[in-house]
Structures are given as C-alpha cells and as structure tokens.
Amino acid sequence: MIDTLCTECSSLIEHHEKIQVLSAVHYNLGKTLQDVENIAALPNEAAEAEELLCDDMNLLQARFHFASM
C-alpha cells in the first residue's frame, strides 16, 4: 500500500510542471467564463440603470448600477 502511494507521489512530482500549467489553464478558463457571463449581462444591467434614471429618487441606485458595470 505504502509503496503504491510512493510510486503515485513520485509520478506527480515528475509531472509537477504540467500539473501547474493545467491548474493555471483551469483557473483562466473559469475567469474567462465568468467574464463572458458578466459581459452578457451588461445590456440588462444597463437597461435597469437607465430605468432608474427616470426618477430622481433613484439616482444613487442608478449610480451604483453604473459603477458595478
């Protein structure tokens, strides 16, 4: 059992650079997908903020919407 674990560990150490690159790719893909979702939501968020501008009582909320975009 311990020999098997040592062998697996040794294999992971040998491929450390590849694992590190794969980890970075995974992280970057996640961030890219999150950016795509945020970009896709922009038209709706802008419409909501624009709607808030119609009433002077909502100017602060509109500012927060625009700032968050």
PDB file of N, CA and C in Angstrom:
ATOM      1  N   MET A   1       0.825  -1.191   0.000  1.00  0.00           N
ATOM      2  CA  MET A   1       0.000   0.000   0.000  1.00  0.00           C
ATOM      3  C   MET A   1       0.869   1.254   0.000  1.00  0.00           C
ATOM      4  N   ILE A   2       1.826   1.321   0.923  1.00  0.00           N
ATOM      5  CA  ILE A   2       2.703   2.494   1.018  1.00  0.00           C
ATOM      6  C   ILE A   2       3.564   2.616  -0.228  1.00  0.00           C
ATOM      7  N   ASP A   3       4.021   1.478  -0.755  1.00  0.00           N
ATOM      8  CA  ASP A   3       4.834   1.513  -1.974  1.00  0.00           C
ATOM      9  C   ASP A   3       4.042   2.084  -3.138  1.00  0.00           C
ATOM     10  N   THR A   4       2.770   1.727  -3.212  1.00  0.00           N
ATOM     11  CA  THR A   4       1.907   2.235  -4.279  1.00  0.00           C
ATOM     12  C   THR A   4       1.748   3.741  -4.153  1.00  0.00           C
ATOM     13  N   LEU A   5       1.514   4.226  -2.945  1.00  0.00           N
ATOM     14  CA  LEU A   5       1.369   5.661  -2.721  1.00  0.00           C
ATOM     15  C   LEU A   5       2.656   6.410  -3.055  1.00  0.00           C
ATOM     16  N   CYS A   6       3.785   5.842  -2.696  1.00  0.00           N
ATOM     17  CA  CYS A   6       5.075   6.468  -3.000  1.00  0.00           C
ATOM     18  C   CYS A   6       5.291   6.545  -4.506  1.00  0.00           C
ATOM     19  N   THR A   7       4.911   5.502  -5.211  1.00  0.00           N
ATOM     20  CA  THR A   7       5.041   5.492  -6.659  1.00  0.00           C
ATOM     21  C   THR A   7       4.155   6.564  -7.286  1.00  0.00           C
ATOM     22  N   GLU A   8       2.900   6.673  -6.802  1.00  0.00           N
ATOM     23  CA  GLU A   8       1.992   7.694  -7.314  1.00  0.00           C
ATOM     24  C   GLU A   8       2.534   9.097  -7.035  1.00  0.00           C
ATOM     25  N   CYS A   9       3.037   9.287  -5.849  1.00  0.00           N
ATOM     26  CA  CYS A   9       3.593  10.582  -5.453  1.00  0.00           C
ATOM     27  C   CYS A   9       4.785  10.928  -6.340  1.00  0.00           C
ATOM     28  N   SER A  10       5.632   9.968  -6.579  1.00  0.00           N
ATOM     29  CA  SER A  10       6.803  10.182  -7.427  1.00  0.00           C
ATOM     30  C   SER A  10       6.372  10.599  -8.829  1.00  0.00           C
ATOM     31  N   SER A  11       5.334   9.976  -9.330  1.00  0.00           N
ATOM     32  CA  SER A  11       4.815  10.305 -10.657  1.00  0.00           C
ATOM     33  C   SER A  11       4.283  11.735 -10.694  1.00  0.00           C
ATOM     34  N   LEU A  12       3.603  12.147  -9.626  1.00  0.00           N
ATOM     35  CA  LEU A  12       3.070  13.504  -9.566  1.00  0.00           C
ATOM     36  C   LEU A  12       4.189  14.533  -9.532  1.00  0.00           C
ATOM     37  N   ILE A  13       5.240  14.240  -8.790  1.00  0.00           N
ATOM     38  CA  ILE A  13       6.370  15.158  -8.704  1.00  0.00           C
ATOM     39  C   ILE A  13       7.024  15.315 -10.065  1.00  0.00           C
ATOM     40  N   GLU A  14       7.133  14.217 -10.805  1.00  0.00           N
ATOM     41  CA  GLU A  14       7.728  14.275 -12.139  1.00  0.00           C
ATOM     42  C   GLU A  14       6.901  15.161 -13.068  1.00  0.00           C
ATOM     43  N   HIS A  15       5.598  15.205 -12.866  1.00  0.00           N
ATOM     44  CA  HIS A  15       4.708  15.961 -13.749  1.00  0.00           C
ATOM     45  C   HIS A  15       4.241  17.263 -13.115  1.00  0.00           C
ATOM     46  N   HIS A  16       4.995  17.745 -12.132  1.00  0.00           N
ATOM     47  CA  HIS A  16       4.590  18.939 -11.390  1.00  0.00           C
ATOM     48  C   HIS A  16       4.375  20.140 -12.315  1.00  0.00           C
ATOM     49  N   GLU A  17       5.284  20.358 -13.257  1.00  0.00           N
ATOM     50  CA  GLU A  17       5.158  21.499 -14.167  1.00  0.00           C
ATOM     51  C   GLU A  17       3.889  21.399 -15.009  1.00  0.00           C
ATOM     52  N   LYS A  18       3.584  20.205 -15.504  1.00  0.00           N
ATOM     53  CA  LYS A  18       2.374  20.014 -16.303  1.00  0.00           C
ATOM     54  C   LYS A  18       1.120  20.239 -15.454  1.00  0.00           C
ATOM     55  N   ILE A  19       1.162  19.760 -14.220  1.00  0.00           N
ATOM     56  CA  ILE A  19       0.027  19.938 -13.311  1.00  0.00           C
ATOM     57  C   ILE A  19      -0.162  21.419 -13.020  1.00  0.00           C
ATOM     58  N   GLN A  20       0.934  22.140 -12.832  1.00  0.00           N
ATOM     59  CA  GLN A  20       0.870  23.571 -12.567  1.00  0.00           C
ATOM     60  C   GLN A  20       0.271  24.325 -13.758  1.00  0.00           C
ATOM     61  N   VAL A  21       0.684  23.973 -14.965  1.00  0.00           N
ATOM     62  CA  VAL A  21       0.145  24.609 -16.170  1.00  0.00           C
ATOM     63  C   VAL A  21      -1.334  24.291 -16.305  1.00  0.00           C
ATOM     64  N   LEU A  22      -1.712  23.048 -16.077  1.00  0.00           N
ATOM     65  CA  LEU A  22      -3.113  22.654 -16.159  1.00  0.00           C
ATOM     66  C   LEU A  22      -3.949  23.417 -15.139  1.00  0.00           C
ATOM     67  N   SER A  23      -3.427  23.603 -13.955  1.00  0.00           N
ATOM     68  CA  SER A  23      -4.122  24.357 -12.921  1.00  0.00           C
ATOM     69  C   SER A  23      -4.331  25.804 -13.357  1.00  0.00           C
ATOM     70  N   ALA A  24      -3.309  26.416 -13.940  1.00  0.00           N
ATOM     71  CA  ALA A  24      -3.420  27.797 -14.417  1.00  0.00           C
ATOM     72  C   ALA A  24      -4.440  27.893 -15.545  1.00  0.00           C
ATOM     73  N   VAL A  25      -4.439  26.922 -16.438  1.00  0.00           N
ATOM     74  CA  VAL A  25      -5.414  26.909 -17.538  1.00  0.00           C
ATOM     75  C   VAL A  25      -6.835  26.795 -16.982  1.00  0.00           C
ATOM     76  N   HIS A  26      -7.020  25.937 -16.007  1.00  0.00           N
ATOM     77  CA  HIS A  26      -8.332  25.754 -15.383  1.00  0.00           C
ATOM     78  C   HIS A  26      -8.808  27.056 -14.752  1.00  0.00           C
ATOM     79  N   TYR A  27      -7.925  27.721 -14.015  1.00  0.00           N
ATOM     80  CA  TYR A  27      -8.265  28.986 -13.372  1.00  0.00           C
ATOM     81  C   TYR A  27      -8.620  30.044 -14.420  1.00  0.00           C
ATOM     82  N   ASN A  28      -7.786  30.163 -15.464  1.00  0.00           N
ATOM     83  CA  ASN A  28      -8.033  31.161 -16.510  1.00  0.00           C
ATOM     84  C   ASN A  28      -9.328  30.894 -17.256  1.00  0.00           C
ATOM     85  N   LEU A  29      -9.635  29.647 -17.493  1.00  0.00           N
ATOM     86  CA  LEU A  29     -10.892  29.305 -18.167  1.00  0.00           C
ATOM     87  C   LEU A  29     -12.086  29.708 -17.302  1.00  0.00           C
ATOM     88  N   GLY A  30     -11.993  29.442 -16.011  1.00  0.00           N
ATOM     89  CA  GLY A  30     -13.063  29.843 -15.101  1.00  0.00           C
ATOM     90  C   GLY A  30     -13.273  31.343 -15.100  1.00  0.00           C
ATOM     91  N   LYS A  31     -12.171  32.109 -15.054  1.00  0.00           N
ATOM     92  CA  LYS A  31     -12.268  33.571 -15.077  1.00  0.00           C
ATOM     93  C   LYS A  31     -12.839  34.045 -16.412  1.00  0.00           C
ATOM     94  N   THR A  32     -12.440  33.427 -17.502  1.00  0.00           N
ATOM     95  CA  THR A  32     -12.943  33.818 -18.823  1.00  0.00           C
ATOM     96  C   THR A  32     -14.443  33.565 -18.924  1.00  0.00           C
ATOM     97  N   LEU A  33     -14.886  32.422 -18.440  1.00  0.00           N
ATOM     98  CA  LEU A  33     -16.320  32.124 -18.465  1.00  0.00           C
ATOM     99  C   LEU A  33     -17.103  33.105 -17.602  1.00  0.00           C
ATOM    100  N   GLN A  34     -16.535  33.486 -16.465  1.00  0.00           N
ATOM    101  CA  GLN A  34     -17.180  34.467 -15.600  1.00  0.00           C
ATOM    102  C   GLN A  34     -17.252  35.824 -16.311  1.00  0.00           C
ATOM    103  N   ASP A  35     -16.184  36.203 -17.004  1.00  0.00           N
ATOM    104  CA  ASP A  35     -16.181  37.461 -17.763  1.00  0.00           C
ATOM    105  C   ASP A  35     -17.236  37.438 -18.865  1.00  0.00           C
ATOM    106  N   VAL A  36     -17.372  36.311 -19.542  1.00  0.00           N
ATOM    107  CA  VAL A  36     -18.378  36.184 -20.606  1.00  0.00           C
ATOM    108  C   VAL A  36     -19.782  36.357 -20.028  1.00  0.00           C
ATOM    109  N   GLU A  37     -20.042  35.744 -18.881  1.00  0.00           N
ATOM    110  CA  GLU A  37     -21.354  35.888 -18.237  1.00  0.00           C
ATOM    111  C   GLU A  37     -21.609  37.345 -17.858  1.00  0.00           C
ATOM    112  N   ASN A  38     -20.578  38.008 -17.330  1.00  0.00           N
ATOM    113  CA  ASN A  38     -20.732  39.413 -16.952  1.00  0.00           C
ATOM    114  C   ASN A  38     -20.982  40.297 -18.173  1.00  0.00           C
ATOM    115  N   ILE A  39     -20.301  40.034 -19.254  1.00  0.00           N
ATOM    116  CA  ILE A  39     -20.492  40.807 -20.483  1.00  0.00           C
ATOM    117  C   ILE A  39     -21.892  40.571 -21.039  1.00  0.00           C
ATOM    118  N   ALA A  40     -22.355  39.335 -20.998  1.00  0.00           N
ATOM    119  CA  ALA A  40     -23.692  39.017 -21.493  1.00  0.00           C
ATOM    120  C   ALA A  40     -24.771  39.710 -20.668  1.00  0.00           C
ATOM    121  N   ALA A  41     -24.490  39.948 -19.394  1.00  0.00           N
ATOM    122  CA  ALA A  41     -25.472  40.587 -18.508  1.00  0.00           C
ATOM    123  C   ALA A  41     -25.475  42.109 -18.639  1.00  0.00           C
ATOM    124  N   LEU A  42     -24.488  42.692 -19.305  1.00  0.00           N
ATOM    125  CA  LEU A  42     -24.391  44.146 -19.398  1.00  0.00           C
ATOM    126  C   LEU A  42     -25.630  44.829 -19.980  1.00  0.00           C
ATOM    127  N   PRO A  43     -26.193  44.352 -21.076  1.00  0.00           N
ATOM    128  CA  PRO A  43     -27.369  45.041 -21.617  1.00  0.00           C
ATOM    129  C   PRO A  43     -28.529  45.120 -20.612  1.00  0.00           C
ATOM    130  N   ASN A  44     -28.778  44.039 -19.899  1.00  0.00           N
ATOM    131  CA  ASN A  44     -29.855  44.050 -18.902  1.00  0.00           C
ATOM    132  C   ASN A  44     -29.535  44.999 -17.750  1.00  0.00           C
ATOM    133  N   GLU A  45     -28.296  44.974 -17.288  1.00  0.00           N
ATOM    134  CA  GLU A  45     -27.904  45.856 -16.193  1.00  0.00           C
ATOM    135  C   GLU A  45     -27.977  47.317 -16.620  1.00  0.00           C
ATOM    136  N   ALA A  46     -27.567  47.609 -17.837  1.00  0.00           N
ATOM    137  CA  ALA A  46     -27.631  48.983 -18.337  1.00  0.00           C
ATOM    138  C   ALA A  46     -29.082  49.441 -18.458  1.00  0.00           C
ATOM    139  N   ALA A  47     -29.945  48.548 -18.917  1.00  0.00           N
ATOM    140  CA  ALA A  47     -31.364  48.890 -19.036  1.00  0.00           C
ATOM    141  C   ALA A  47     -31.968  49.184 -17.662  1.00  0.00           C
ATOM    142  N   GLU A  48     -31.599  48.394 -16.664  1.00  0.00           N
ATOM    143  CA  GLU A  48     -32.095  48.634 -15.305  1.00  0.00           C
ATOM    144  C   GLU A  48     -31.606  49.983 -14.780  1.00  0.00           C
ATOM    145  N   ALA A  49     -30.339  50.275 -14.999  1.00  0.00           N
ATOM    146  CA  ALA A  49     -29.779  51.545 -14.532  1.00  0.00           C
ATOM    147  C   ALA A  49     -30.427  52.711 -15.262  1.00  0.00           C
ATOM    148  N   GLU A  50     -30.652  52.557 -16.549  1.00  0.00           N
ATOM    149  CA  GLU A  50     -31.300  53.620 -17.332  1.00  0.00           C
ATOM    150  C   GLU A  50     -32.723  53.858 -16.846  1.00  0.00           C
ATOM    151  N   GLU A  51     -33.395  52.794 -16.507  1.00  0.00           N
ATOM    152  CA  GLU A  51     -34.756  52.909 -15.985  1.00  0.00           C
ATOM    153  C   GLU A  51     -34.762  53.675 -14.653  1.00  0.00           C
ATOM    154  N   LEU A  52     -33.750  53.433 -13.830  1.00  0.00           N
ATOM    155  CA  LEU A  52     -33.653  54.130 -12.554  1.00  0.00           C
ATOM    156  C   LEU A  52     -33.426  55.632 -12.739  1.00  0.00           C
ATOM    157  N   LEU A  53     -32.819  56.019 -13.858  1.00  0.00           N
ATOM    158  CA  LEU A  53     -32.553  57.435 -14.102  1.00  0.00           C
ATOM    159  C   LEU A  53     -33.824  58.253 -14.344  1.00  0.00           C
ATOM    160  N   CYS A  54     -34.912  57.584 -14.638  1.00  0.00           N
ATOM    161  CA  CYS A  54     -36.173  58.285 -14.919  1.00  0.00           C
ATOM    162  C   CYS A  54     -36.735  58.961 -13.673  1.00  0.00           C
ATOM    163  N   ASP A  55     -36.351  58.487 -12.521  1.00  0.00           N
ATOM    164  CA  ASP A  55     -36.862  59.043 -11.265  1.00  0.00           C
ATOM    165  C   ASP A  55     -35.696  59.584 -10.457  1.00  0.00           C
ATOM    166  N   ASP A  56     -35.743  60.879 -10.120  1.00  0.00           N
ATOM    167  CA  ASP A  56     -34.643  61.496  -9.365  1.00  0.00           C
ATOM    168  C   ASP A  56     -34.406  60.833  -8.010  1.00  0.00           C
ATOM    169  N   MET A  57     -35.399  60.175  -7.485  1.00  0.00           N
ATOM    170  CA  MET A  57     -35.258  59.500  -6.192  1.00  0.00           C
ATOM    171  C   MET A  57     -34.332  58.279  -6.287  1.00  0.00           C
ATOM    172  N   ASN A  58     -34.101  57.804  -7.494  1.00  0.00           N
ATOM    173  CA  ASN A  58     -33.299  56.593  -7.698  1.00  0.00           C
ATOM    174  C   ASN A  58     -31.903  56.888  -8.248  1.00  0.00           C
ATOM    175  N   LEU A  59     -31.474  58.137  -8.214  1.00  0.00           N
ATOM    176  CA  LEU A  59     -30.185  58.487  -8.816  1.00  0.00           C
ATOM    177  C   LEU A  59     -29.019  57.764  -8.142  1.00  0.00           C
ATOM    178  N   LEU A  60     -29.080  57.629  -6.840  1.00  0.00           N
ATOM    179  CA  LEU A  60     -27.995  56.947  -6.140  1.00  0.00           C
ATOM    180  C   LEU A  60     -27.940  55.472  -6.532  1.00  0.00           C
ATOM    181  N   GLN A  61     -29.096  54.846  -6.625  1.00  0.00           N
ATOM    182  CA  GLN A  61     -29.141  53.439  -7.061  1.00  0.00           C
ATOM    183  C   GLN A  61     -28.633  53.304  -8.489  1.00  0.00           C
ATOM    184  N   ALA A  62     -29.010  54.258  -9.340  1.00  0.00           N
ATOM    185  CA  ALA A  62     -28.542  54.224 -10.731  1.00  0.00           C
ATOM    186  C   ALA A  62     -27.021  54.344 -10.766  1.00  0.00           C
ATOM    187  N   ARG A  63     -26.477  55.223  -9.940  1.00  0.00           N
ATOM    188  CA  ARG A  63     -25.029  55.387  -9.887  1.00  0.00           C
ATOM    189  C   ARG A  63     -24.350  54.086  -9.481  1.00  0.00           C
ATOM    190  N   PHE A  64     -24.912  53.396  -8.491  1.00  0.00           N
ATOM    191  CA  PHE A  64     -24.350  52.113  -8.058  1.00  0.00           C
ATOM    192  C   PHE A  64     -24.408  51.075  -9.190  1.00  0.00           C
ATOM    193  N   HIS A  65     -25.506  51.070  -9.939  1.00  0.00           N
ATOM    194  CA  HIS A  65     -25.614  50.139 -11.083  1.00  0.00           C
ATOM    195  C   HIS A  65     -24.527  50.424 -12.113  1.00  0.00           C
ATOM    196  N   PHE A  66     -24.383  51.709 -12.456  1.00  0.00           N
ATOM    197  CA  PHE A  66     -23.365  52.068 -13.445  1.00  0.00           C
ATOM    198  C   PHE A  66     -21.965  51.763 -12.938  1.00  0.00           C
ATOM    199  N   ALA A  67     -21.711  52.007 -11.659  1.00  0.00           N
ATOM    200  CA  ALA A  67     -20.389  51.737 -11.097  1.00  0.00           C
ATOM    201  C   ALA A  67     -20.070  50.248 -11.085  1.00  0.00           C
ATOM    202  N   SER A  68     -21.074  49.429 -10.885  1.00  0.00           N
ATOM    203  CA  SER A  68     -20.846  47.986 -10.831  1.00  0.00           C
ATOM    204  C   SER A  68     -20.573  47.390 -12.212  1.00  0.00           C
ATOM    205  N   MET A  69     -20.988  48.113 -13.233  1.00  0.00           N
ATOM    206  CA  MET A  69     -20.731  47.617 -14.592  1.00  0.00           C
ATOM    207  C   MET A  69     -19.303  47.903 -14.941  1.00  0.00           C
TER     208      MET A  69
END
